[in-house]
Amino acid sequence: MTATAAHPSDLDTVPSFISPSGRREVAAVRTAPRPEAARHLSDEQVEALGRELDALRDEIIASRGAADAAYIKKVIKAQRTLELGGRGMLLLSVNPLAWVAGTGMLSVAKILENMEIGHNVLHGQWDWMRDPDIHSTQWEWDFVAPADGWKHTHNDVHHTWTNVVGKDRDVGYALLRMSEDQPWTWWNLGNPVYNMVLAPFFEWGIAFYDLELDEVAAGRKTKAALRRDLRKLGRKTWRQALKDYLATPAVAVVTGSAVPALIGTFTANTVRNIWAHSVIFCGHFPDGAVQFPAESVIGESRGDWYIRQMLGSANISGSKTLHLMTGNLSHQVEHHLFPDLPSNRYAEIAPRVRALCDTYGLPYTTGPMWRQVASAWARVFRMALP
C-alpha cells in the first residue's frame, strides 16, 4: 500500500487510462481536447507550467526541517491535551458547564486529529522525519474507517484521478450524483436526503465506501478481499466503541456522569463528522470546481495532470485558525498539486500557485467557507434532477 498517489514528477507521463481488464495504458499523445478553461494553452505552455510546479515542489522538499517537525509535534501535543482534558471534564459532566466544556474540547481534539494530523500523516507528509510515531505506515486515526483502506481509495485512487467521472469514486462516494456526466436515475431524487444523513455519520459513510461494495458487485474486487476488509472494519469499530462509548462512560459512573458522558462523546463525534463532511465537500464540489469525462485524460502529460488538480479543486479563504481546523484542506488546490508536502507549507506556496494560475490564464477557485458550503449543497440539489 503506498502512502501517497504517484506524483507526476516521478513519472514521464501520468497513467491516463484504465482498460476494462484493469491494465493501465498510456497514450503516446493527447487524444482529447483539454478542459475548456485550459484550451488556450499550447503543449509547450503546459510543459512549462509542469516544470515550474515541479521546481516549486522540489524547493519545499529541500527546505523541510526542524521547524516543520516542531510544528506537527506541537499540534499532536495540543490535540492530545485537548482530548485528555475533554474526557476528564466529561467524567464530571453531570454538571452542565462541565458537559459543555468537555464536549467542546473533545470535539476540537477529534477535528484536529482527523484533519490536520490523521489525514496528513496518512498522506505520508511526515514520513521524511523517519519517526515511527508519525509515519503513514504506523498511524491509525480516530475515525471508524481503517487507515489502510482509506489510503487506497483516497491516496491511490482519488488523488490520481481527481474528479474524473468513472475513475474517481469520490465523485458522489458511490451514493450521490454530483456531476452531469453521471447518468441520472430516479434514485438520485433523494440526493439531498442522502447527504443530510451522510453528514452527521460521515465516518461511517467513508468506512462503508472504502469497502468498495460496487467494485465487488462489478467483479473487480474479490469476495475474499471484501471479507478481509470487513474483519478490519469490525476490529476498528470495536476499538472506537470501546474508547468512546464504553470506557469513558464506565469511568464516569463513579461521579454519576455516565449518561451525559456517553451523550458528550457521541456529540463530539457528530460535530467532527459534520465538520469533516463540510470541508471535504468544499474541496471538489463548489461552483468553479470542474468534473472531467473519462476520455479527457487519455494522453495526459505531467503538466495536464497538474492542470486537472487545479481545475478540479477549490480552496476556502479564512484565518490561520480556520486553516488549522480544516487540516489545511482549505488549501485544497495546493494539497492536490502536492499531496505529500507538509500541510503547514501550503499557506506559504498558495500565493505562488495563484500567481502561476494568473500567468497561464487558469482559474483559481476560492471563497469563504459559508459560500463554498452553500455552493456544494446547491450542487447536491441540482444533481438530484435530470
Protein backbone atom coordinates (compact mmCIF):
# COMPACT_ATOMS: atom_id res chain seq x y z
CA MET A 1 0.00 0.00 0.00
CA THR A 2 1.53 3.31 -0.99
CA ALA A 3 1.27 6.29 1.30
CA THR A 4 0.55 8.73 -1.50
CA ALA A 5 -0.65 8.65 -5.07
CA ALA A 6 2.07 8.51 -7.67
CA HIS A 7 3.23 12.07 -8.11
CA PRO A 8 3.56 13.32 -11.69
CA SER A 9 7.13 14.48 -11.14
CA ASP A 10 8.05 10.83 -10.61
CA LEU A 11 6.58 9.75 -13.97
CA ASP A 12 7.28 10.58 -17.59
CA THR A 13 3.54 10.60 -18.18
CA VAL A 14 0.75 10.06 -15.72
CA PRO A 15 -1.13 6.75 -16.20
CA SER A 16 -4.10 8.06 -18.09
CA PHE A 17 -6.40 5.20 -18.97
CA ILE A 18 -7.56 2.04 -17.24
CA SER A 19 -8.83 -0.59 -19.63
CA PRO A 20 -11.76 -2.88 -18.71
CA SER A 21 -9.22 -5.53 -17.75
CA GLY A 22 -7.70 -3.14 -15.22
CA ARG A 23 -4.39 -2.75 -17.10
CA ARG A 24 -3.05 0.78 -17.14
CA GLU A 25 -2.28 2.19 -20.55
CA VAL A 26 -0.68 5.46 -21.55
CA ALA A 27 -1.43 7.15 -24.85
CA ALA A 28 1.61 8.43 -26.75
CA VAL A 29 -0.05 11.78 -27.42
CA ARG A 30 -3.05 13.58 -26.03
CA THR A 31 -6.12 12.40 -27.95
CA ALA A 32 -8.80 14.54 -26.30
CA PRO A 33 -9.11 18.33 -26.05
CA ARG A 34 -8.03 19.94 -22.80
CA PRO A 35 -10.68 21.19 -20.37
CA GLU A 36 -12.30 24.36 -21.60
CA ALA A 37 -10.53 26.56 -19.04
CA ALA A 38 -7.13 25.32 -20.29
CA ARG A 39 -7.87 25.01 -24.00
CA HIS A 40 -5.98 28.22 -24.80
CA LEU A 41 -2.68 26.69 -23.64
CA SER A 42 -0.23 25.15 -26.09
CA ASP A 43 1.62 21.92 -25.37
CA GLU A 44 4.76 23.96 -24.76
CA GLN A 45 2.99 26.17 -22.20
CA VAL A 46 1.57 23.14 -20.39
CA GLU A 47 5.03 21.60 -20.27
CA ALA A 48 6.49 24.86 -18.92
CA LEU A 49 3.80 25.04 -16.22
CA GLY A 50 4.63 21.49 -15.20
CA ARG A 51 8.30 22.37 -14.87
CA GLU A 52 7.53 25.41 -12.70
CA LEU A 53 5.32 23.37 -10.37
CA ASP A 54 7.92 20.60 -10.20
CA ALA A 55 10.52 23.20 -9.20
CA LEU A 56 8.21 24.60 -6.51
CA ARG A 57 7.70 21.14 -5.04
CA ASP A 58 11.43 20.40 -5.11
CA GLU A 59 12.14 23.70 -3.36
CA ILE A 60 9.80 22.89 -0.46
CA ILE A 61 11.10 19.33 -0.14
CA ALA A 62 14.66 20.62 0.06
CA SER A 63 13.72 23.11 2.80
CA ARG A 64 11.86 20.71 5.11
CA GLY A 65 13.47 20.63 8.53
CA ALA A 66 13.31 21.24 12.25
CA ALA A 67 10.64 23.94 12.10
CA ASP A 68 8.25 21.63 10.23
CA ALA A 69 8.90 18.76 12.65
CA ALA A 70 8.32 21.08 15.61
CA TYR A 71 5.03 22.19 14.07
CA ILE A 72 3.46 18.74 13.75
CA LYS A 73 4.70 17.67 17.19
CA LYS A 74 3.19 20.81 18.69
CA VAL A 75 -0.16 20.11 17.02
CA ILE A 76 -0.14 16.50 18.21
CA LYS A 77 0.66 17.60 21.77
CA ALA A 78 -2.15 20.17 21.72
CA GLN A 79 -4.60 17.62 20.31
CA ARG A 80 -3.78 15.05 22.98
CA THR A 81 -4.02 17.65 25.74
CA LEU A 82 -7.45 18.71 24.49
CA GLU A 83 -8.63 15.11 24.27
CA LEU A 84 -7.42 14.24 27.76
CA GLY A 85 -8.94 17.42 29.17
CA GLY A 86 -12.20 16.87 27.34
CA ARG A 87 -12.60 13.31 28.54
CA GLY A 88 -11.66 14.43 32.04
CA MET A 89 -14.38 17.09 32.04
CA LEU A 90 -16.91 14.54 30.77
CA LEU A 91 -16.25 12.49 33.91
CA LEU A 92 -17.88 15.40 35.73
CA SER A 93 -20.49 16.09 33.05
CA VAL A 94 -23.46 15.68 35.36
CA ASN A 95 -22.68 19.40 35.74
CA PRO A 96 -23.96 21.15 32.56
CA LEU A 97 -20.96 23.51 32.36
CA ALA A 98 -18.55 20.58 32.59
CA TRP A 99 -20.53 18.81 29.85
CA VAL A 100 -20.28 21.81 27.51
CA ALA A 101 -16.57 22.26 28.22
CA GLY A 102 -15.78 18.56 27.88
CA THR A 103 -17.80 18.07 24.72
CA GLY A 104 -16.31 21.19 23.17
CA MET A 105 -12.72 20.21 23.96
CA LEU A 106 -13.26 16.66 22.72
CA SER A 107 -14.90 17.93 19.50
CA VAL A 108 -11.92 20.18 18.74
CA ALA A 109 -9.50 17.37 19.58
CA LYS A 110 -11.27 14.97 17.21
CA ILE A 111 -11.31 17.55 14.42
CA LEU A 112 -7.58 18.23 14.83
CA GLU A 113 -6.76 14.53 14.88
CA ASN A 114 -8.87 13.77 11.84
CA MET A 115 -8.00 16.78 9.69
CA GLU A 116 -4.57 18.28 10.42
CA ILE A 117 -2.97 15.16 11.88
CA GLY A 118 -4.56 11.91 10.67
CA HIS A 119 -5.36 12.90 7.08
CA ASN A 120 -1.95 14.43 6.52
CA VAL A 121 0.10 11.79 8.32
CA LEU A 122 -1.63 9.11 6.24
CA HIS A 123 -0.63 11.02 3.10
CA GLY A 124 2.99 10.45 4.08
CA GLN A 125 3.58 14.18 4.60
CA TRP A 126 5.76 13.49 7.66
CA ASP A 127 7.43 10.22 6.58
CA TRP A 128 10.65 12.13 5.84
CA MET A 129 11.13 12.58 9.61
CA ARG A 130 11.67 8.80 9.96
CA ASP A 131 9.68 8.97 13.20
CA PRO A 132 7.74 5.71 13.66
CA ASP A 133 5.16 7.54 15.79
CA ILE A 134 4.28 9.95 12.94
CA HIS A 135 4.57 7.66 9.94
CA SER A 136 1.94 6.78 7.35
CA THR A 137 2.57 3.05 7.75
CA GLN A 138 2.01 3.13 11.51
CA TRP A 139 -0.70 5.72 12.14
CA GLU A 140 -4.27 4.63 12.87
CA TRP A 141 -6.58 7.60 13.11
CA ASP A 142 -9.58 8.39 15.33
CA PHE A 143 -12.05 7.52 12.58
CA VAL A 144 -14.03 4.32 12.27
CA ALA A 145 -12.67 3.76 8.72
CA PRO A 146 -9.44 1.68 8.88
CA ALA A 147 -6.44 3.68 7.72
CA ASP A 148 -5.13 1.27 5.08
CA GLY A 149 -8.47 1.03 3.24
CA TRP A 150 -8.78 4.81 3.22
CA LYS A 151 -5.24 5.21 1.89
CA HIS A 152 -6.20 3.06 -1.09
CA THR A 153 -9.47 4.80 -2.01
CA HIS A 154 -8.23 8.29 -1.18
CA ASN A 155 -4.48 8.47 -1.80
CA ASP A 156 -4.14 5.95 -4.61
CA VAL A 157 -7.44 6.39 -6.46
CA HIS A 158 -8.89 9.83 -5.71
CA HIS A 159 -5.62 11.78 -5.88
CA THR A 160 -4.60 10.11 -9.13
CA TRP A 161 -7.96 10.52 -10.90
CA THR A 162 -9.23 13.72 -9.27
CA ASN A 163 -12.79 14.50 -10.42
CA VAL A 164 -12.62 12.11 -13.40
CA VAL A 165 -16.11 10.63 -13.65
CA GLY A 166 -15.88 6.85 -13.77
CA LYS A 167 -12.35 6.77 -12.32
CA ASP A 168 -12.52 8.95 -9.21
CA ARG A 169 -15.03 7.17 -6.98
CA ASP A 170 -15.08 10.21 -4.66
CA VAL A 171 -17.38 11.90 -7.18
CA GLY A 172 -20.53 11.09 -5.20
CA TYR A 173 -18.94 8.40 -2.97
CA ALA A 174 -20.99 5.72 -4.78
CA LEU A 175 -24.07 7.31 -3.19
CA LEU A 176 -24.70 10.78 -4.62
CA ARG A 177 -24.96 12.12 -8.15
CA MET A 178 -22.55 15.09 -8.26
CA SER A 179 -21.83 15.54 -11.99
CA GLU A 180 -23.79 15.99 -15.18
CA ASP A 181 -21.62 13.20 -16.62
CA GLN A 182 -23.14 10.71 -14.17
CA PRO A 183 -26.32 9.12 -15.62
CA TRP A 184 -29.50 10.18 -13.81
CA THR A 185 -31.92 7.65 -12.27
CA TRP A 186 -34.94 8.02 -10.02
CA TRP A 187 -32.69 7.11 -7.07
CA ASN A 188 -30.95 10.47 -7.44
CA LEU A 189 -34.09 12.32 -6.39
CA GLY A 190 -33.03 11.53 -2.84
CA ASN A 191 -29.66 13.29 -3.20
CA PRO A 192 -30.37 15.95 -0.54
CA VAL A 193 -31.73 13.40 1.93
CA TYR A 194 -28.77 11.07 1.46
CA ASN A 195 -26.35 13.94 2.03
CA MET A 196 -28.21 15.13 5.14
CA VAL A 197 -27.84 11.64 6.61
CA LEU A 198 -24.25 11.30 5.40
CA ALA A 199 -23.01 14.48 7.11
CA PRO A 200 -23.54 13.54 10.81
CA PHE A 201 -22.43 9.95 10.14
CA PHE A 202 -19.64 10.80 7.71
CA GLU A 203 -17.07 8.45 9.26
CA TRP A 204 -19.47 5.55 8.73
CA GLY A 205 -20.17 6.64 5.17
CA ILE A 206 -16.44 6.65 4.44
CA ALA A 207 -15.94 3.30 6.18
CA PHE A 208 -18.56 1.56 4.03
CA TYR A 209 -17.41 3.43 0.93
CA ASP A 210 -13.88 2.12 1.48
CA LEU A 211 -15.25 -1.44 1.35
CA GLU A 212 -15.81 -0.83 -2.40
CA LEU A 213 -19.04 -2.82 -2.50
CA ASP A 214 -19.72 -1.57 -6.02
CA GLU A 215 -16.33 -2.95 -7.10
CA VAL A 216 -17.26 -6.33 -5.59
CA ALA A 217 -20.57 -6.29 -7.47
CA ALA A 218 -18.72 -5.48 -10.71
CA GLY A 219 -16.26 -8.33 -10.15
CA ARG A 220 -13.23 -6.06 -9.83
CA LYS A 221 -12.75 -6.84 -6.15
CA THR A 222 -12.84 -10.38 -4.81
CA LYS A 223 -15.16 -11.56 -2.07
CA ALA A 224 -12.12 -12.75 -0.15
CA ALA A 225 -10.77 -9.19 -0.18
CA LEU A 226 -14.15 -7.91 1.00
CA ARG A 227 -14.19 -10.39 3.91
CA ARG A 228 -10.68 -9.24 4.86
CA ASP A 229 -11.78 -5.61 4.84
CA LEU A 230 -14.93 -6.41 6.84
CA ARG A 231 -12.80 -8.03 9.54
CA LYS A 232 -10.61 -4.92 9.69
CA LEU A 233 -13.68 -2.69 9.93
CA GLY A 234 -15.08 -4.87 12.72
CA ARG A 235 -11.88 -4.60 14.74
CA LYS A 236 -11.70 -0.83 14.21
CA THR A 237 -15.39 -0.40 15.14
CA TRP A 238 -14.82 -2.28 18.40
CA ARG A 239 -11.77 -0.17 19.20
CA GLN A 240 -13.64 3.10 18.61
CA ALA A 241 -16.71 1.94 20.55
CA LEU A 242 -14.57 0.78 23.46
CA LYS A 243 -12.85 4.15 23.71
CA ASP A 244 -15.82 6.47 23.21
CA TYR A 245 -18.93 4.60 24.27
CA LEU A 246 -17.71 2.12 26.89
CA ALA A 247 -14.53 3.27 28.64
CA THR A 248 -15.31 6.95 29.18
CA PRO A 249 -18.95 6.42 30.34
CA ALA A 250 -17.87 3.47 32.52
CA VAL A 251 -15.35 5.60 34.42
CA ALA A 252 -17.97 8.38 34.66
CA VAL A 253 -20.27 6.03 36.59
CA VAL A 254 -18.25 6.92 39.69
CA THR A 255 -19.41 10.56 39.50
CA GLY A 256 -22.91 9.80 38.28
CA SER A 257 -22.00 11.18 34.83
CA ALA A 258 -22.23 8.02 32.71
CA VAL A 259 -25.20 9.09 30.58
CA PRO A 260 -24.07 12.69 29.92
CA ALA A 261 -20.55 11.40 29.19
CA LEU A 262 -21.97 8.96 26.63
CA ILE A 263 -24.01 11.74 25.04
CA GLY A 264 -20.95 14.01 25.08
CA THR A 265 -18.72 11.57 23.19
CA PHE A 266 -21.47 10.90 20.66
CA THR A 267 -21.95 14.65 20.19
CA ALA A 268 -18.20 15.19 19.71
CA ASN A 269 -18.10 12.51 17.01
CA THR A 270 -21.13 14.07 15.31
CA VAL A 271 -19.60 17.56 15.37
CA ARG A 272 -16.36 16.18 13.90
CA ASN A 273 -18.28 14.29 11.20
CA ILE A 274 -20.32 17.32 10.12
CA TRP A 275 -17.19 19.48 10.04
CA ALA A 276 -15.18 16.94 8.05
CA HIS A 277 -18.07 16.48 5.59
CA SER A 278 -18.33 20.23 5.06
CA VAL A 279 -14.60 20.68 4.49
CA ILE A 280 -14.34 17.72 2.11
CA PHE A 281 -17.35 18.78 0.05
CA CYS A 282 -15.92 22.31 -0.20
CA GLY A 283 -12.80 20.84 -1.81
CA HIS A 284 -14.30 19.50 -5.05
CA PHE A 285 -17.98 20.35 -5.42
CA PRO A 286 -18.49 24.16 -5.22
CA ASP A 287 -19.08 26.27 -8.29
CA GLY A 288 -15.84 26.53 -10.23
CA ALA A 289 -14.60 23.02 -9.46
CA VAL A 290 -14.64 21.01 -12.69
CA GLN A 291 -15.52 17.35 -13.27
CA PHE A 292 -13.90 15.58 -16.23
CA PRO A 293 -15.16 12.83 -18.56
CA ALA A 294 -13.01 9.69 -18.51
CA GLU A 295 -11.77 10.09 -22.07
CA SER A 296 -10.38 13.56 -21.31
CA VAL A 297 -7.33 12.15 -19.52
CA ILE A 298 -6.09 9.85 -22.28
CA GLY A 299 -2.57 11.00 -23.14
CA GLU A 300 -2.47 13.30 -20.12
CA SER A 301 1.01 14.74 -19.57
CA ARG A 302 2.54 15.78 -16.28
CA GLY A 303 1.52 19.40 -16.90
CA ASP A 304 -2.01 18.30 -17.83
CA TRP A 305 -2.23 16.34 -14.56
CA TYR A 306 -1.29 19.46 -12.65
CA ILE A 307 -3.91 21.46 -14.53
CA ARG A 308 -6.60 18.90 -13.69
CA GLN A 309 -5.73 19.16 -10.00
CA MET A 310 -6.05 22.95 -10.13
CA LEU A 311 -9.30 22.97 -12.08
CA GLY A 312 -10.88 20.16 -10.07
CA SER A 313 -10.14 21.62 -6.63
CA ALA A 314 -11.45 24.60 -4.67
CA ASN A 315 -10.00 26.49 -1.71
CA ILE A 316 -11.56 28.08 1.38
CA SER A 317 -10.41 31.54 2.38
CA GLY A 318 -10.12 32.43 6.06
CA SER A 319 -7.95 32.79 9.13
CA LYS A 320 -4.99 30.73 10.32
CA THR A 321 -7.30 29.05 12.83
CA LEU A 322 -9.67 28.03 10.04
CA HIS A 323 -6.78 26.61 8.02
CA LEU A 324 -5.62 24.61 11.04
CA MET A 325 -9.09 23.23 11.76
CA THR A 326 -9.56 22.19 8.13
CA GLY A 327 -6.26 20.32 8.18
CA ASN A 328 -5.12 22.94 5.66
CA LEU A 329 -7.54 21.39 3.18
CA SER A 330 -8.71 24.98 2.88
CA HIS A 331 -5.68 24.96 0.54
CA GLN A 332 -7.20 22.12 -1.48
CA VAL A 333 -5.64 23.31 -4.75
CA GLU A 334 -2.16 23.19 -3.25
CA HIS A 335 -2.88 19.91 -1.50
CA HIS A 336 -3.91 18.24 -4.75
CA LEU A 337 -0.89 19.56 -6.56
CA PHE A 338 1.44 18.36 -3.81
CA PRO A 339 -0.33 15.84 -1.54
CA ASP A 340 2.92 14.73 0.11
CA LEU A 341 4.19 18.17 1.20
CA PRO A 342 3.80 19.13 4.89
CA SER A 343 0.41 20.77 5.36
CA ASN A 344 1.89 23.76 7.21
CA ARG A 345 3.66 24.80 3.98
CA TYR A 346 0.51 25.13 1.85
CA ALA A 347 -0.22 28.69 3.04
CA GLU A 348 3.35 29.62 2.07
CA ILE A 349 3.10 28.38 -1.50
CA ALA A 350 -0.54 29.36 -2.14
CA PRO A 351 0.28 32.90 -3.40
CA ARG A 352 2.84 31.45 -5.81
CA VAL A 353 0.40 28.86 -7.13
CA ARG A 354 -2.21 31.57 -7.60
CA ALA A 355 0.34 33.71 -9.44
CA LEU A 356 1.08 30.82 -11.79
CA CYS A 357 -2.65 30.45 -12.47
CA ASP A 358 -2.79 34.13 -13.35
CA THR A 359 0.28 33.84 -15.58
CA TYR A 360 -1.17 30.92 -17.54
CA GLY A 361 -4.75 32.21 -17.58
CA LEU A 362 -6.17 29.47 -15.37
CA PRO A 363 -8.92 29.96 -12.77
CA TYR A 364 -8.08 29.68 -9.07
CA THR A 365 -11.28 28.84 -7.23
CA THR A 366 -11.56 30.08 -3.64
CA GLY A 367 -14.10 31.67 -1.32
CA PRO A 368 -15.27 31.91 2.31
CA MET A 369 -16.45 28.69 3.89
CA TRP A 370 -20.12 29.66 4.11
CA ARG A 371 -20.20 30.32 0.37
CA GLN A 372 -18.32 27.15 -0.56
CA VAL A 373 -20.57 25.01 1.65
CA ALA A 374 -23.70 26.62 0.21
CA SER A 375 -22.39 26.14 -3.32
CA ALA A 376 -21.60 22.45 -2.73
CA TRP A 377 -25.06 21.85 -1.26
CA ALA A 378 -26.63 23.67 -4.23
CA ARG A 379 -24.88 21.15 -6.49
CA VAL A 380 -26.31 18.31 -4.39
CA PHE A 381 -29.82 19.66 -5.02
CA ARG A 382 -29.20 20.38 -8.74
CA MET A 383 -27.85 16.90 -9.40
CA ALA A 384 -30.96 15.35 -7.85
CA LEU A 385 -32.82 16.33 -11.01
CA PRO A 386 -32.32 15.09 -14.59
